[in-house]
Amino acid sequence: MSTVASVDPRIQDLRVTDDQIIAHLADGRVISVPLAWSWRLSEATPAQRANFRIIGSGQGVHWPGVDEDISVEGMLHGVPARRPRSSAPAAKVRTAPGETPPSKRMRPTRKKAVSG
């Protein structure tokens, strides 16, 4: 009877090239993902890419200069980072035919209090 110990993958060392993020795992595997999977890192300077720390006992990597985190699970399962959407378009206000839109309406002015 054989027993296989379940060991979570852990990053032991990491290297970032011009086009890849390469992780050396504690169990001897070497995995890599395209640098383009992290839009923050692909837009970062080489110095920012080199400034990282392994976090969570090897569960992930953090780049403080660009506020990026990548997990070993994300690398293994092929989960690229999504670029956030730009601000949502402003909601359109519907007006009845012939009605002036709210942005074009005159607003009352405040009367100054007269002291006397």
C-alpha atoms as a PDB file:
ATOM      1  CA  MET A   1       0.000   0.000   0.000  1.00  0.00           C
ATOM      2  CA  SER A   2       1.355   3.421  -0.939  1.00  0.00           C
ATOM      3  CA  THR A   3       0.391   6.724   0.518  1.00  0.00           C
ATOM      4  CA  VAL A   4       0.800   9.961  -1.355  1.00  0.00           C
ATOM      5  CA  ALA A   5       1.176  13.042   0.774  1.00  0.00           C
ATOM      6  CA  SER A   6      -0.882  15.965  -0.425  1.00  0.00           C
ATOM      7  CA  VAL A   7       1.391  18.961  -0.651  1.00  0.00           C
ATOM      8  CA  ASP A   8       0.188  22.349  -1.782  1.00  0.00           C
ATOM      9  CA  PRO A   9       2.388  23.845  -4.473  1.00  0.00           C
ATOM     10  CA  ARG A  10       4.723  26.479  -3.054  1.00  0.00           C
ATOM     11  CA  ILE A  11       6.884  29.011  -4.867  1.00  0.00           C
ATOM     12  CA  GLN A  12      10.491  28.777  -3.798  1.00  0.00           C
ATOM     13  CA  ASP A  13      12.040  31.183  -6.287  1.00  0.00           C
ATOM     14  CA  LEU A  14      10.738  33.500  -8.993  1.00  0.00           C
ATOM     15  CA  ARG A  15      12.117  35.229 -12.051  1.00  0.00           C
ATOM     16  CA  VAL A  16      10.461  37.757 -14.353  1.00  0.00           C
ATOM     17  CA  THR A  17      11.751  38.168 -17.898  1.00  0.00           C
ATOM     18  CA  ASP A  18      10.626  40.522 -20.652  1.00  0.00           C
ATOM     19  CA  ASP A  19       7.867  38.084 -21.614  1.00  0.00           C
ATOM     20  CA  GLN A  20       7.426  35.479 -18.838  1.00  0.00           C
ATOM     21  CA  ILE A  21       6.869  34.999 -15.126  1.00  0.00           C
ATOM     22  CA  ILE A  22       8.805  31.870 -14.122  1.00  0.00           C
ATOM     23  CA  ALA A  23       8.263  30.177 -10.765  1.00  0.00           C
ATOM     24  CA  HIS A  24      10.430  27.427  -9.298  1.00  0.00           C
ATOM     25  CA  LEU A  25       8.278  25.345  -6.970  1.00  0.00           C
ATOM     26  CA  ALA A  26       9.398  23.588  -3.793  1.00  0.00           C
ATOM     27  CA  ASP A  27       8.563  20.187  -5.317  1.00  0.00           C
ATOM     28  CA  GLY A  28      11.016  20.746  -8.186  1.00  0.00           C
ATOM     29  CA  ARG A  29       8.576  21.855 -10.880  1.00  0.00           C
ATOM     30  CA  VAL A  30       9.203  24.991 -12.900  1.00  0.00           C
ATOM     31  CA  ILE A  31       6.117  26.727 -14.244  1.00  0.00           C
ATOM     32  CA  SER A  32       5.743  29.851 -16.310  1.00  0.00           C
ATOM     33  CA  VAL A  33       2.995  32.107 -17.607  1.00  0.00           C
ATOM     34  CA  PRO A  34       3.107  34.916 -20.156  1.00  0.00           C
ATOM     35  CA  LEU A  35       3.959  38.306 -18.681  1.00  0.00           C
ATOM     36  CA  ALA A  36       0.934  39.677 -20.575  1.00  0.00           C
ATOM     37  CA  TRP A  37      -1.271  37.758 -18.118  1.00  0.00           C
ATOM     38  CA  SER A  38      -0.488  40.523 -15.639  1.00  0.00           C
ATOM     39  CA  TRP A  39      -1.277  43.865 -17.224  1.00  0.00           C
ATOM     40  CA  ARG A  40       0.268  45.637 -14.243  1.00  0.00           C
ATOM     41  CA  LEU A  41       3.580  43.813 -14.603  1.00  0.00           C
ATOM     42  CA  SER A  42       3.633  44.135 -18.369  1.00  0.00           C
ATOM     43  CA  GLU A  43       3.308  47.926 -17.938  1.00  0.00           C
ATOM     44  CA  ALA A  44       5.851  48.037 -15.078  1.00  0.00           C
ATOM     45  CA  THR A  45       9.497  48.985 -15.353  1.00  0.00           C
ATOM     46  CA  PRO A  46      12.167  46.262 -15.065  1.00  0.00           C
ATOM     47  CA  ALA A  47      13.053  47.655 -11.606  1.00  0.00           C
ATOM     48  CA  GLN A  48       9.414  47.360 -10.480  1.00  0.00           C
ATOM     49  CA  ARG A  49       9.234  43.794 -11.802  1.00  0.00           C
ATOM     50  CA  ALA A  50      12.394  42.875  -9.900  1.00  0.00           C
ATOM     51  CA  ASN A  51      10.988  44.245  -6.627  1.00  0.00           C
ATOM     52  CA  PHE A  52       8.804  41.405  -5.349  1.00  0.00           C
ATOM     53  CA  ARG A  53       8.394  39.235  -2.292  1.00  0.00           C
ATOM     54  CA  ILE A  54       7.112  35.701  -1.929  1.00  0.00           C
ATOM     55  CA  ILE A  55       4.077  35.700   0.369  1.00  0.00           C
ATOM     56  CA  GLY A  56       2.004  33.146   2.272  1.00  0.00           C
ATOM     57  CA  SER A  57       4.848  30.640   2.679  1.00  0.00           C
ATOM     58  CA  GLY A  58       5.117  30.434  -1.102  1.00  0.00           C
ATOM     59  CA  GLN A  59       1.428  30.565  -2.004  1.00  0.00           C
ATOM     60  CA  GLY A  60       1.937  33.720  -4.029  1.00  0.00           C
ATOM     61  CA  VAL A  61       4.048  36.702  -4.968  1.00  0.00           C
ATOM     62  CA  HIS A  62       3.485  40.410  -4.277  1.00  0.00           C
ATOM     63  CA  TRP A  63       4.933  43.367  -6.216  1.00  0.00           C
ATOM     64  CA  PRO A  64       4.499  46.410  -3.932  1.00  0.00           C
ATOM     65  CA  GLY A  65       5.531  48.981  -6.549  1.00  0.00           C
ATOM     66  CA  VAL A  66       2.635  48.051  -8.840  1.00  0.00           C
ATOM     67  CA  ASP A  67       0.254  46.543  -6.254  1.00  0.00           C
ATOM     68  CA  GLU A  68       0.118  43.167  -8.013  1.00  0.00           C
ATOM     69  CA  ASP A  69      -0.410  39.748  -6.455  1.00  0.00           C
ATOM     70  CA  ILE A  70      -0.146  36.433  -8.298  1.00  0.00           C
ATOM     71  CA  SER A  71      -0.890  33.070  -6.701  1.00  0.00           C
ATOM     72  CA  VAL A  72       0.743  29.784  -7.575  1.00  0.00           C
ATOM     73  CA  GLU A  73      -2.763  28.338  -8.002  1.00  0.00           C
ATOM     74  CA  GLY A  74      -3.595  31.052 -10.526  1.00  0.00           C
ATOM     75  CA  MET A  75      -0.436  30.252 -12.465  1.00  0.00           C
ATOM     76  CA  LEU A  76      -1.152  26.513 -12.424  1.00  0.00           C
ATOM     77  CA  HIS A  77      -4.794  26.909 -13.437  1.00  0.00           C
ATOM     78  CA  GLY A  78      -4.180  29.543 -16.085  1.00  0.00           C
ATOM     79  CA  VAL A  79      -5.995  32.515 -14.597  1.00  0.00           C
ATOM     80  CA  PRO A  80      -4.786  35.792 -16.153  1.00  0.00           C
ATOM     81  CA  ALA A  81      -5.387  39.055 -14.301  1.00  0.00           C
ATOM     82  CA  ARG A  82      -8.281  41.058 -15.691  1.00  0.00           C
ATOM     83  CA  ARG A  83      -7.792  44.694 -16.501  1.00  0.00           C
ATOM     84  CA  PRO A  84     -10.416  46.730 -14.648  1.00  0.00           C
ATOM     85  CA  ARG A  85     -13.010  48.409 -16.788  1.00  0.00           C
ATOM     86  CA  SER A  86     -12.771  52.135 -17.183  1.00  0.00           C
ATOM     87  CA  SER A  87     -15.364  54.125 -15.331  1.00  0.00           C
ATOM     88  CA  ALA A  88     -18.882  53.152 -16.214  1.00  0.00           C
ATOM     89  CA  PRO A  89     -20.638  55.341 -18.747  1.00  0.00           C
ATOM     90  CA  ALA A  90     -22.948  57.899 -17.238  1.00  0.00           C
ATOM     91  CA  ALA A  91     -26.566  56.863 -17.115  1.00  0.00           C
ATOM     92  CA  LYS A  92     -28.726  58.649 -19.627  1.00  0.00           C
ATOM     93  CA  VAL A  93     -31.675  60.550 -18.271  1.00  0.00           C
ATOM     94  CA  ARG A  94     -34.756  60.222 -20.421  1.00  0.00           C
ATOM     95  CA  THR A  95     -36.963  63.224 -20.882  1.00  0.00           C
ATOM     96  CA  ALA A  96     -40.416  63.549 -22.349  1.00  0.00           C
ATOM     97  CA  PRO A  97     -40.643  65.046 -25.833  1.00  0.00           C
ATOM     98  CA  GLY A  98     -40.280  68.805 -25.581  1.00  0.00           C
ATOM     99  CA  GLU A  99     -38.926  68.668 -22.010  1.00  0.00           C
ATOM    100  CA  THR A 100     -35.568  70.222 -21.183  1.00  0.00           C
ATOM    101  CA  PRO A 101     -32.960  67.737 -19.889  1.00  0.00           C
ATOM    102  CA  PRO A 102     -31.967  68.236 -16.213  1.00  0.00           C
ATOM    103  CA  SER A 103     -28.489  69.466 -17.131  1.00  0.00           C
ATOM    104  CA  LYS A 104     -29.996  72.310 -19.215  1.00  0.00           C
ATOM    105  CA  ARG A 105     -32.606  73.507 -16.739  1.00  0.00           C
ATOM    106  CA  MET A 106     -32.223  76.807 -14.981  1.00  0.00           C
ATOM    107  CA  ARG A 107     -31.481  76.517 -11.312  1.00  0.00           C
ATOM    108  CA  PRO A 108     -32.797  79.040  -8.800  1.00  0.00           C
ATOM    109  CA  THR A 109     -30.239  81.309  -7.224  1.00  0.00           C
ATOM    110  CA  ARG A 110     -30.093  81.835  -3.502  1.00  0.00           C
ATOM    111  CA  LYS A 111     -31.080  85.220  -2.185  1.00  0.00           C
ATOM    112  CA  LYS A 112     -28.627  86.777   0.192  1.00  0.00           C
ATOM    113  CA  ALA A 113     -29.992  87.570   3.619  1.00  0.00           C
ATOM    114  CA  VAL A 114     -30.192  91.268   4.219  1.00  0.00           C
ATOM    115  CA  SER A 115     -29.138  92.272   7.677  1.00  0.00           C
ATOM    116  CA  GLY A 116     -30.534  95.420   8.976  1.00  0.00           C
END
